[in-house]
């Protein structure tokens, strides 16, 4: 159907542009993110009028709202920016429309979960590749951080424990499950590498007058024995904290520059997950079939 081609191409182009801006500037223009929401609703609304059935528009709107609230969690935790959240809302509108007209089909999970499962599957490999690419110049620092983590007993114990599920699965002759669980040790090592990468690379020192609401501090900011902003607050700085920090800084009572955490650019993951969703469908189902064919 022509409407499906138009919808997919439109979404493809907008997400590609969003990924470009995110990687280049760290910001996604509102015109891009809101544009996806607007155009997807125009398409679903126009199709509803053409067919005389407004369920297509309602489904698109409903999915946009649901995807927004699901994305609000990582946004509040400081893992996503506002642009990522708006993009996800637009993707929800598109997924709702494509699913409503029967394009996405079936899998071992409902079609409305395809996108999140696909995003979860590719997010970790993407983060690892991202870390390797953008940390090349400081790889020695990162590997030193990684060695420090591995020298700590609790991380060594965690790595050893990660082999237990696969060992038990093979003992019980559950070969497919055993192969799946063998990814756990790799997951532990990759998690430690990302932790080292975050500590060594995903930080930026800025003037306090450049701080923004939602910025996450890399270290506690203390004045007169009181923590005025904690590094553990993943929701970032509040308006009240921001005003107090800038006031104390102007009065020379705290440093004029602070270190904040920066995140991995997430828009490309949204783009890749969309491609997988519309061209492959249920990745989890494909993985299960692939592993079954290998074993059997």
C-alpha atoms as a PDB file:
ATOM      1  CA  UNK A   1       0.000   0.000   0.000  1.00  0.00           C
ATOM      2  CA  UNK A   2       1.189   3.499  -0.857  1.00  0.00           C
ATOM      3  CA  UNK A   3       0.184   4.856   2.546  1.00  0.00           C
ATOM      4  CA  UNK A   4       2.488   2.360   4.284  1.00  0.00           C
ATOM      5  CA  UNK A   5       5.438   3.335   2.070  1.00  0.00           C
ATOM      6  CA  UNK A   6       4.824   7.042   2.691  1.00  0.00           C
ATOM      7  CA  UNK A   7       4.554   6.535   6.454  1.00  0.00           C
ATOM      8  CA  UNK A   8       7.727   4.458   6.711  1.00  0.00           C
ATOM      9  CA  UNK A   9       9.766   6.792   4.479  1.00  0.00           C
ATOM     10  CA  UNK A  10       8.566   9.856   6.362  1.00  0.00           C
ATOM     11  CA  UNK A  11       9.475   8.313   9.712  1.00  0.00           C
ATOM     12  CA  UNK A  12      12.787   7.041   8.346  1.00  0.00           C
ATOM     13  CA  UNK A  13      13.833  10.515   7.181  1.00  0.00           C
ATOM     14  CA  UNK A  14      12.792  12.292  10.386  1.00  0.00           C
ATOM     15  CA  UNK A  15      14.555   9.775  12.637  1.00  0.00           C
ATOM     16  CA  UNK A  16      17.663   9.941  10.452  1.00  0.00           C
ATOM     17  CA  UNK A  17      17.721  13.743  10.794  1.00  0.00           C
ATOM     18  CA  UNK A  18      17.137  13.465  14.558  1.00  0.00           C
ATOM     19  CA  UNK A  19      20.038  11.023  14.882  1.00  0.00           C
ATOM     20  CA  UNK A  20      22.316  13.373  12.949  1.00  0.00           C
ATOM     21  CA  UNK A  21      21.529  16.348  15.186  1.00  0.00           C
ATOM     22  CA  UNK A  22      21.812  14.259  18.347  1.00  0.00           C
ATOM     23  CA  UNK A  23      25.278  12.958  17.438  1.00  0.00           C
ATOM     24  CA  UNK A  24      26.518  16.326  16.175  1.00  0.00           C
ATOM     25  CA  UNK A  25      25.093  18.765  18.732  1.00  0.00           C
ATOM     26  CA  UNK A  26      23.606  16.645  21.512  1.00  0.00           C
ATOM     27  CA  UNK A  27      20.235  18.299  20.939  1.00  0.00           C
ATOM     28  CA  UNK A  28      17.231  17.309  18.821  1.00  0.00           C
ATOM     29  CA  UNK A  29      15.358  20.344  17.444  1.00  0.00           C
ATOM     30  CA  UNK A  30      11.701  20.549  18.478  1.00  0.00           C
ATOM     31  CA  UNK A  31      10.800  21.011  14.820  1.00  0.00           C
ATOM     32  CA  UNK A  32      12.094  17.491  14.164  1.00  0.00           C
ATOM     33  CA  UNK A  33      10.592  15.678  17.142  1.00  0.00           C
ATOM     34  CA  UNK A  34       7.236  17.472  17.091  1.00  0.00           C
ATOM     35  CA  UNK A  35       7.240  17.171  13.308  1.00  0.00           C
ATOM     36  CA  UNK A  36       7.112  13.374  13.566  1.00  0.00           C
ATOM     37  CA  UNK A  37       4.122  13.528  15.916  1.00  0.00           C
ATOM     38  CA  UNK A  38       2.312  16.035  13.702  1.00  0.00           C
ATOM     39  CA  UNK A  39       2.921  14.297  10.380  1.00  0.00           C
ATOM     40  CA  UNK A  40       2.051  10.847  11.726  1.00  0.00           C
ATOM     41  CA  UNK A  41      -1.274  12.179  13.012  1.00  0.00           C
ATOM     42  CA  UNK A  42      -1.924  13.922   9.701  1.00  0.00           C
ATOM     43  CA  UNK A  43      -1.367  10.633   7.848  1.00  0.00           C
ATOM     44  CA  UNK A  44      -3.478   8.554  10.226  1.00  0.00           C
ATOM     45  CA  UNK A  45      -6.164  11.244  10.299  1.00  0.00           C
ATOM     46  CA  UNK A  46      -6.250  11.501   6.521  1.00  0.00           C
ATOM     47  CA  UNK A  47      -6.464   7.727   6.196  1.00  0.00           C
ATOM     48  CA  UNK A  48      -9.314   7.660   8.723  1.00  0.00           C
ATOM     49  CA  UNK A  49     -11.258  10.236   6.732  1.00  0.00           C
ATOM     50  CA  UNK A  50     -10.607   8.326   3.508  1.00  0.00           C
ATOM     51  CA  UNK A  51     -11.861   5.063   5.005  1.00  0.00           C
ATOM     52  CA  UNK A  52     -14.614   6.620   7.091  1.00  0.00           C
ATOM     53  CA  UNK A  53     -13.196   4.864  10.149  1.00  0.00           C
ATOM     54  CA  UNK A  54     -11.618   6.995  12.870  1.00  0.00           C
ATOM     55  CA  UNK A  55     -10.229   4.011  14.776  1.00  0.00           C
ATOM     56  CA  UNK A  56      -6.969   4.435  12.826  1.00  0.00           C
ATOM     57  CA  UNK A  57      -6.489   7.964  14.166  1.00  0.00           C
ATOM     58  CA  UNK A  58      -7.561   6.965  17.680  1.00  0.00           C
ATOM     59  CA  UNK A  59      -5.123   4.051  17.696  1.00  0.00           C
ATOM     60  CA  UNK A  60      -2.315   6.320  16.534  1.00  0.00           C
ATOM     61  CA  UNK A  61      -3.081   8.897  19.230  1.00  0.00           C
ATOM     62  CA  UNK A  62      -3.421   6.216  21.925  1.00  0.00           C
ATOM     63  CA  UNK A  63      -0.088   4.616  21.080  1.00  0.00           C
ATOM     64  CA  UNK A  64       1.594   8.020  21.031  1.00  0.00           C
ATOM     65  CA  UNK A  65       0.346   8.694  24.561  1.00  0.00           C
ATOM     66  CA  UNK A  66       1.320   5.237  25.842  1.00  0.00           C
ATOM     67  CA  UNK A  67       4.804   5.457  24.314  1.00  0.00           C
ATOM     68  CA  UNK A  68       5.211   8.908  25.850  1.00  0.00           C
ATOM     69  CA  UNK A  69       4.495   7.633  29.353  1.00  0.00           C
ATOM     70  CA  UNK A  70       6.747   4.591  28.872  1.00  0.00           C
ATOM     71  CA  UNK A  71       9.556   6.892  27.746  1.00  0.00           C
ATOM     72  CA  UNK A  72       8.908   9.267  30.628  1.00  0.00           C
ATOM     73  CA  UNK A  73      10.543   6.803  33.042  1.00  0.00           C
ATOM     74  CA  UNK A  74      14.068   6.921  31.503  1.00  0.00           C
ATOM     75  CA  UNK A  75      13.552  10.651  30.951  1.00  0.00           C
ATOM     76  CA  UNK A  76      12.936  11.246  34.661  1.00  0.00           C
ATOM     77  CA  UNK A  77      15.892   9.001  35.509  1.00  0.00           C
ATOM     78  CA  UNK A  78      18.122  11.258  33.447  1.00  0.00           C
ATOM     79  CA  UNK A  79      18.904   8.621  30.810  1.00  0.00           C
ATOM     80  CA  UNK A  80      17.000  10.384  28.011  1.00  0.00           C
ATOM     81  CA  UNK A  81      16.601  13.947  26.910  1.00  0.00           C
ATOM     82  CA  UNK A  82      13.374  15.717  26.082  1.00  0.00           C
ATOM     83  CA  UNK A  83      14.001  15.262  22.367  1.00  0.00           C
ATOM     84  CA  UNK A  84      14.219  11.475  22.766  1.00  0.00           C
ATOM     85  CA  UNK A  85      10.920  11.455  24.647  1.00  0.00           C
ATOM     86  CA  UNK A  86       9.149  13.484  21.972  1.00  0.00           C
ATOM     87  CA  UNK A  87      10.579  11.271  19.233  1.00  0.00           C
ATOM     88  CA  UNK A  88       9.330   8.159  21.019  1.00  0.00           C
ATOM     89  CA  UNK A  89       5.848   9.673  21.163  1.00  0.00           C
ATOM     90  CA  UNK A  90       5.932  10.171  17.399  1.00  0.00           C
ATOM     91  CA  UNK A  91       7.162   6.612  16.890  1.00  0.00           C
ATOM     92  CA  UNK A  92       4.257   5.428  19.027  1.00  0.00           C
ATOM     93  CA  UNK A  93       1.850   7.240  16.726  1.00  0.00           C
ATOM     94  CA  UNK A  94       3.443   5.563  13.701  1.00  0.00           C
ATOM     95  CA  UNK A  95       3.491   2.086  15.277  1.00  0.00           C
ATOM     96  CA  UNK A  96      -0.130   2.478  16.312  1.00  0.00           C
ATOM     97  CA  UNK A  97      -1.145   3.410  12.783  1.00  0.00           C
ATOM     98  CA  UNK A  98       0.892   0.665  11.077  1.00  0.00           C
ATOM     99  CA  UNK A  99      -0.391  -1.918  13.536  1.00  0.00           C
ATOM    100  CA  UNK A 100      -3.949  -0.652  13.131  1.00  0.00           C
ATOM    101  CA  UNK A 101      -3.898  -1.248   9.378  1.00  0.00           C
ATOM    102  CA  UNK A 102      -2.402  -4.715   9.870  1.00  0.00           C
ATOM    103  CA  UNK A 103       1.135  -4.109   8.630  1.00  0.00           C
ATOM    104  CA  UNK A 104       3.180  -5.261  11.627  1.00  0.00           C
ATOM    105  CA  UNK A 105       1.742  -8.771  11.885  1.00  0.00           C
ATOM    106  CA  UNK A 106       2.227 -11.236  14.726  1.00  0.00           C
ATOM    107  CA  UNK A 107       5.088 -12.774  16.700  1.00  0.00           C
ATOM    108  CA  UNK A 108       5.610 -14.443  20.033  1.00  0.00           C
ATOM    109  CA  UNK A 109       4.760 -11.076  21.593  1.00  0.00           C
ATOM    110  CA  UNK A 110       2.017  -8.546  20.654  1.00  0.00           C
ATOM    111  CA  UNK A 111       2.939  -6.152  17.844  1.00  0.00           C
ATOM    112  CA  UNK A 112       2.726  -3.095  20.079  1.00  0.00           C
ATOM    113  CA  UNK A 113       5.676  -4.477  22.086  1.00  0.00           C
ATOM    114  CA  UNK A 114       7.858  -5.168  19.036  1.00  0.00           C
ATOM    115  CA  UNK A 115       9.479  -1.765  19.170  1.00  0.00           C
ATOM    116  CA  UNK A 116      10.482  -1.864  22.842  1.00  0.00           C
ATOM    117  CA  UNK A 117      11.814  -5.430  22.655  1.00  0.00           C
ATOM    118  CA  UNK A 118      13.825  -4.555  19.540  1.00  0.00           C
ATOM    119  CA  UNK A 119      15.113  -1.398  21.183  1.00  0.00           C
ATOM    120  CA  UNK A 120      16.145  -3.355  24.268  1.00  0.00           C
ATOM    121  CA  UNK A 121      17.982  -5.959  22.190  1.00  0.00           C
ATOM    122  CA  UNK A 122      20.041  -3.427  20.234  1.00  0.00           C
ATOM    123  CA  UNK A 123      20.548  -0.837  22.987  1.00  0.00           C
ATOM    124  CA  UNK A 124      23.362  -2.683  24.746  1.00  0.00           C
ATOM    125  CA  UNK A 125      25.388  -3.563  21.598  1.00  0.00           C
ATOM    126  CA  UNK A 126      24.913   0.030  20.433  1.00  0.00           C
ATOM    127  CA  UNK A 127      26.210   1.351  23.757  1.00  0.00           C
ATOM    128  CA  UNK A 128      29.283  -0.883  23.540  1.00  0.00           C
ATOM    129  CA  UNK A 129      30.056   0.206  19.958  1.00  0.00           C
ATOM    130  CA  UNK A 130      29.405   3.837  20.903  1.00  0.00           C
ATOM    131  CA  UNK A 131      31.803   3.536  23.832  1.00  0.00           C
ATOM    132  CA  UNK A 132      34.556   1.962  21.708  1.00  0.00           C
ATOM    133  CA  UNK A 133      34.218   4.535  18.913  1.00  0.00           C
ATOM    134  CA  UNK A 134      34.058   7.635  21.099  1.00  0.00           C
ATOM    135  CA  UNK A 135      36.612   6.509  23.659  1.00  0.00           C
ATOM    136  CA  UNK A 136      39.418   5.574  21.277  1.00  0.00           C
ATOM    137  CA  UNK A 137      41.597   8.533  22.224  1.00  0.00           C
ATOM    138  CA  UNK A 138      41.311   7.844  25.942  1.00  0.00           C
ATOM    139  CA  UNK A 139      41.222   4.050  25.774  1.00  0.00           C
ATOM    140  CA  UNK A 140      44.186   3.724  28.166  1.00  0.00           C
ATOM    141  CA  UNK A 141      42.314   5.667  30.837  1.00  0.00           C
ATOM    142  CA  UNK A 142      39.178   3.600  30.315  1.00  0.00           C
ATOM    143  CA  UNK A 143      41.011   0.270  30.423  1.00  0.00           C
ATOM    144  CA  UNK A 144      42.711   1.352  33.637  1.00  0.00           C
ATOM    145  CA  UNK A 145      39.285   2.120  35.122  1.00  0.00           C
ATOM    146  CA  UNK A 146      38.100  -1.298  33.927  1.00  0.00           C
ATOM    147  CA  UNK A 147      41.075  -3.050  35.529  1.00  0.00           C
ATOM    148  CA  UNK A 148      40.360  -1.234  38.784  1.00  0.00           C
ATOM    149  CA  UNK A 149      36.788  -2.540  38.748  1.00  0.00           C
ATOM    150  CA  UNK A 150      37.889  -6.109  37.976  1.00  0.00           C
ATOM    151  CA  UNK A 151      40.391  -6.017  40.846  1.00  0.00           C
ATOM    152  CA  UNK A 152      37.548  -5.442  43.303  1.00  0.00           C
ATOM    153  CA  UNK A 153      36.320  -8.661  44.893  1.00  0.00           C
ATOM    154  CA  UNK A 154      32.612  -7.944  44.451  1.00  0.00           C
ATOM    155  CA  UNK A 155      32.970  -7.542  40.682  1.00  0.00           C
ATOM    156  CA  UNK A 156      35.138 -10.656  40.391  1.00  0.00           C
ATOM    157  CA  UNK A 157      32.492 -12.591  42.340  1.00  0.00           C
ATOM    158  CA  UNK A 158      29.745 -11.184  40.122  1.00  0.00           C
ATOM    159  CA  UNK A 159      31.617 -12.342  37.016  1.00  0.00           C
ATOM    160  CA  UNK A 160      32.005 -15.869  38.428  1.00  0.00           C
ATOM    161  CA  UNK A 161      28.342 -16.033  39.458  1.00  0.00           C
ATOM    162  CA  UNK A 162      27.285 -15.032  35.942  1.00  0.00           C
ATOM    163  CA  UNK A 163      28.402 -18.467  34.680  1.00  0.00           C
ATOM    164  CA  UNK A 164      26.068 -20.352  37.034  1.00  0.00           C
ATOM    165  CA  UNK A 165      22.795 -20.081  35.011  1.00  0.00           C
ATOM    166  CA  UNK A 166      24.388 -21.410  31.803  1.00  0.00           C
ATOM    167  CA  UNK A 167      26.158 -24.208  33.692  1.00  0.00           C
ATOM    168  CA  UNK A 168      22.896 -25.336  35.293  1.00  0.00           C
ATOM    169  CA  UNK A 169      21.067 -25.157  31.969  1.00  0.00           C
ATOM    170  CA  UNK A 170      23.642 -27.378  30.248  1.00  0.00           C
ATOM    171  CA  UNK A 171      23.564 -29.833  33.168  1.00  0.00           C
ATOM    172  CA  UNK A 172      19.791 -30.053  32.719  1.00  0.00           C
ATOM    173  CA  UNK A 173      20.352 -30.534  28.968  1.00  0.00           C
ATOM    174  CA  UNK A 174      18.597 -27.260  28.122  1.00  0.00           C
ATOM    175  CA  UNK A 175      21.029 -26.372  25.362  1.00  0.00           C
ATOM    176  CA  UNK A 176      19.203 -23.397  23.897  1.00  0.00           C
ATOM    177  CA  UNK A 177      18.735 -21.822  27.309  1.00  0.00           C
ATOM    178  CA  UNK A 178      22.369 -22.562  28.107  1.00  0.00           C
ATOM    179  CA  UNK A 179      23.527 -20.695  25.020  1.00  0.00           C
ATOM    180  CA  UNK A 180      21.334 -17.739  25.904  1.00  0.00           C
ATOM    181  CA  UNK A 181      22.689 -17.651  29.465  1.00  0.00           C
ATOM    182  CA  UNK A 182      26.272 -17.694  28.178  1.00  0.00           C
ATOM    183  CA  UNK A 183      25.702 -14.081  27.239  1.00  0.00           C
ATOM    184  CA  UNK A 184      25.531 -13.160  30.953  1.00  0.00           C
ATOM    185  CA  UNK A 185      29.339 -13.121  31.535  1.00  0.00           C
ATOM    186  CA  UNK A 186      29.702 -10.966  28.425  1.00  0.00           C
ATOM    187  CA  UNK A 187      26.936  -8.732  29.726  1.00  0.00           C
ATOM    188  CA  UNK A 188      28.783  -8.308  33.041  1.00  0.00           C
ATOM    189  CA  UNK A 189      32.061  -7.406  31.312  1.00  0.00           C
ATOM    190  CA  UNK A 190      30.290  -5.024  28.947  1.00  0.00           C
ATOM    191  CA  UNK A 191      28.478  -3.387  31.863  1.00  0.00           C
ATOM    192  CA  UNK A 192      31.773  -2.814  33.657  1.00  0.00           C
ATOM    193  CA  UNK A 193      33.293  -1.386  30.486  1.00  0.00           C
ATOM    194  CA  UNK A 194      30.371   1.017  30.130  1.00  0.00           C
ATOM    195  CA  UNK A 195      30.742   1.980  33.775  1.00  0.00           C
ATOM    196  CA  UNK A 196      34.422   2.718  33.167  1.00  0.00           C
ATOM    197  CA  UNK A 197      33.541   4.625  29.981  1.00  0.00           C
ATOM    198  CA  UNK A 198      30.958   6.710  31.832  1.00  0.00           C
ATOM    199  CA  UNK A 199      33.450   7.630  34.539  1.00  0.00           C
ATOM    200  CA  UNK A 200      36.252   8.472  32.109  1.00  0.00           C
ATOM    201  CA  UNK A 201      34.443  10.013  29.155  1.00  0.00           C
ATOM    202  CA  UNK A 202      30.823  10.941  29.808  1.00  0.00           C
ATOM    203  CA  UNK A 203      31.570  13.961  31.951  1.00  0.00           C
ATOM    204  CA  UNK A 204      31.866  17.649  31.213  1.00  0.00           C
ATOM    205  CA  UNK A 205      33.046  20.589  33.296  1.00  0.00           C
ATOM    206  CA  UNK A 206      30.879  23.689  32.886  1.00  0.00           C
ATOM    207  CA  UNK A 207      30.432  27.098  34.485  1.00  0.00           C
ATOM    208  CA  UNK A 208      27.628  27.190  37.025  1.00  0.00           C
ATOM    209  CA  UNK A 209      25.858  29.913  35.012  1.00  0.00           C
ATOM    210  CA  UNK A 210      25.620  27.399  32.137  1.00  0.00           C
ATOM    211  CA  UNK A 211      23.913  24.732  34.250  1.00  0.00           C
ATOM    212  CA  UNK A 212      20.387  23.757  33.274  1.00  0.00           C
ATOM    213  CA  UNK A 213      17.502  22.135  35.074  1.00  0.00           C
ATOM    214  CA  UNK A 214      17.877  18.354  34.801  1.00  0.00           C
ATOM    215  CA  UNK A 215      21.687  18.338  34.625  1.00  0.00           C
ATOM    216  CA  UNK A 216      23.148  15.500  36.719  1.00  0.00           C
ATOM    217  CA  UNK A 217      26.227  16.257  38.805  1.00  0.00           C
ATOM    218  CA  UNK A 218      29.197  13.897  38.693  1.00  0.00           C
ATOM    219  CA  UNK A 219      30.125  14.679  42.314  1.00  0.00           C
ATOM    220  CA  UNK A 220      28.196  15.911  45.342  1.00  0.00           C
ATOM    221  CA  UNK A 221      28.150  19.680  45.674  1.00  0.00           C
ATOM    222  CA  UNK A 222      28.661  20.616  49.326  1.00  0.00           C
ATOM    223  CA  UNK A 223      28.452  23.972  51.093  1.00  0.00           C
ATOM    224  CA  UNK A 224      28.920  24.537  54.810  1.00  0.00           C
ATOM    225  CA  UNK A 225      28.702  20.791  55.496  1.00  0.00           C
ATOM    226  CA  UNK A 226      25.385  20.452  53.627  1.00  0.00           C
ATOM    227  CA  UNK A 227      24.870  18.629  50.321  1.00  0.00           C
ATOM    228  CA  UNK A 228      23.025  21.104  48.146  1.00  0.00           C
ATOM    229  CA  UNK A 229      23.008  18.770  45.124  1.00  0.00           C
ATOM    230  CA  UNK A 230      23.726  15.032  45.102  1.00  0.00           C
ATOM    231  CA  UNK A 231      25.340  12.966  42.358  1.00  0.00           C
ATOM    232  CA  UNK A 232      22.827  10.196  43.162  1.00  0.00           C
ATOM    233  CA  UNK A 233      19.855  12.328  42.132  1.00  0.00           C
ATOM    234  CA  UNK A 234      19.338  10.884  38.644  1.00  0.00           C
ATOM    235  CA  UNK A 235      16.458  13.280  37.958  1.00  0.00           C
ATOM    236  CA  UNK A 236      18.999  16.081  37.884  1.00  0.00           C
ATOM    237  CA  UNK A 237      19.027  19.579  39.273  1.00  0.00           C
ATOM    238  CA  UNK A 238      15.742  21.191  40.256  1.00  0.00           C
ATOM    239  CA  UNK A 239      14.930  24.847  39.677  1.00  0.00           C
ATOM    240  CA  UNK A 240      15.484  25.584  43.379  1.00  0.00           C
ATOM    241  CA  UNK A 241      18.877  23.844  43.428  1.00  0.00           C
ATOM    242  CA  UNK A 242      19.908  25.651  40.255  1.00  0.00           C
ATOM    243  CA  UNK A 243      19.114  29.061  41.759  1.00  0.00           C
ATOM    244  CA  UNK A 244      20.965  28.247  44.983  1.00  0.00           C
ATOM    245  CA  UNK A 245      24.052  26.945  43.165  1.00  0.00           C
ATOM    246  CA  UNK A 246      24.274  29.984  40.901  1.00  0.00           C
ATOM    247  CA  UNK A 247      23.746  32.333  43.855  1.00  0.00           C
ATOM    248  CA  UNK A 248      26.481  30.684  45.948  1.00  0.00           C
ATOM    249  CA  UNK A 249      28.810  30.597  42.955  1.00  0.00           C
ATOM    250  CA  UNK A 250      28.281  34.309  42.279  1.00  0.00           C
ATOM    251  CA  UNK A 251      29.136  34.963  45.931  1.00  0.00           C
ATOM    252  CA  UNK A 252      32.343  32.893  45.537  1.00  0.00           C
ATOM    253  CA  UNK A 253      31.204  30.450  48.227  1.00  0.00           C
ATOM    254  CA  UNK A 254      31.440  27.424  45.925  1.00  0.00           C
ATOM    255  CA  UNK A 255      33.534  26.796  42.766  1.00  0.00           C
ATOM    256  CA  UNK A 256      32.479  28.575  39.586  1.00  0.00           C
ATOM    257  CA  UNK A 257      32.815  25.351  37.591  1.00  0.00           C
ATOM    258  CA  UNK A 258      31.263  21.944  38.277  1.00  0.00           C
ATOM    259  CA  UNK A 259      31.378  18.567  36.561  1.00  0.00           C
ATOM    260  CA  UNK A 260      28.176  17.097  35.148  1.00  0.00           C
ATOM    261  CA  UNK A 261      27.402  13.740  33.593  1.00  0.00           C
ATOM    262  CA  UNK A 262      26.635  13.532  29.893  1.00  0.00           C
ATOM    263  CA  UNK A 263      24.795  10.644  28.320  1.00  0.00           C
ATOM    264  CA  UNK A 264      25.133   8.370  25.330  1.00  0.00           C
ATOM    265  CA  UNK A 265      23.326   9.788  22.296  1.00  0.00           C
ATOM    266  CA  UNK A 266      20.159   7.734  22.117  1.00  0.00           C
ATOM    267  CA  UNK A 267      18.376   8.958  18.987  1.00  0.00           C
ATOM    268  CA  UNK A 268      20.254   6.511  16.688  1.00  0.00           C
ATOM    269  CA  UNK A 269      18.898   3.623  18.786  1.00  0.00           C
ATOM    270  CA  UNK A 270      15.356   4.880  18.216  1.00  0.00           C
ATOM    271  CA  UNK A 271      16.110   4.971  14.503  1.00  0.00           C
ATOM    272  CA  UNK A 272      17.605   1.453  14.314  1.00  0.00           C
ATOM    273  CA  UNK A 273      14.813  -0.025  16.448  1.00  0.00           C
ATOM    274  CA  UNK A 274      12.239   1.461  14.076  1.00  0.00           C
ATOM    275  CA  UNK A 275      13.951  -0.082  11.048  1.00  0.00           C
ATOM    276  CA  UNK A 276      13.983  -3.485  12.730  1.00  0.00           C
ATOM    277  CA  UNK A 277      10.345  -3.159  13.746  1.00  0.00           C
ATOM    278  CA  UNK A 278       8.989  -2.335  10.290  1.00  0.00           C
ATOM    279  CA  UNK A 279      11.293  -4.548   8.208  1.00  0.00           C
ATOM    280  CA  UNK A 280      11.916  -7.521  10.508  1.00  0.00           C
ATOM    281  CA  UNK A 281       9.156  -7.430  13.096  1.00  0.00           C
ATOM    282  CA  UNK A 282       9.556  -9.534  16.212  1.00  0.00           C
ATOM    283  CA  UNK A 283      13.335  -9.930  16.658  1.00  0.00           C
ATOM    284  CA  UNK A 284      12.851 -12.140  19.704  1.00  0.00           C
ATOM    285  CA  UNK A 285      10.913 -14.635  17.582  1.00  0.00           C
ATOM    286  CA  UNK A 286      13.688 -14.652  14.962  1.00  0.00           C
ATOM    287  CA  UNK A 287      16.326 -15.305  17.642  1.00  0.00           C
ATOM    288  CA  UNK A 288      14.377 -18.225  19.099  1.00  0.00           C
ATOM    289  CA  UNK A 289      13.922 -19.765  15.629  1.00  0.00           C
ATOM    290  CA  UNK A 290      17.623 -19.275  14.831  1.00  0.00           C
ATOM    291  CA  UNK A 291      18.799 -20.909  18.053  1.00  0.00           C
ATOM    292  CA  UNK A 292      16.345 -23.775  17.598  1.00  0.00           C
ATOM    293  CA  UNK A 293      17.664 -24.436  14.095  1.00  0.00           C
ATOM    294  CA  UNK A 294      21.269 -24.473  15.377  1.00  0.00           C
ATOM    295  CA  UNK A 295      20.577 -26.907  18.200  1.00  0.00           C
ATOM    296  CA  UNK A 296      18.110 -29.168  16.421  1.00  0.00           C
END
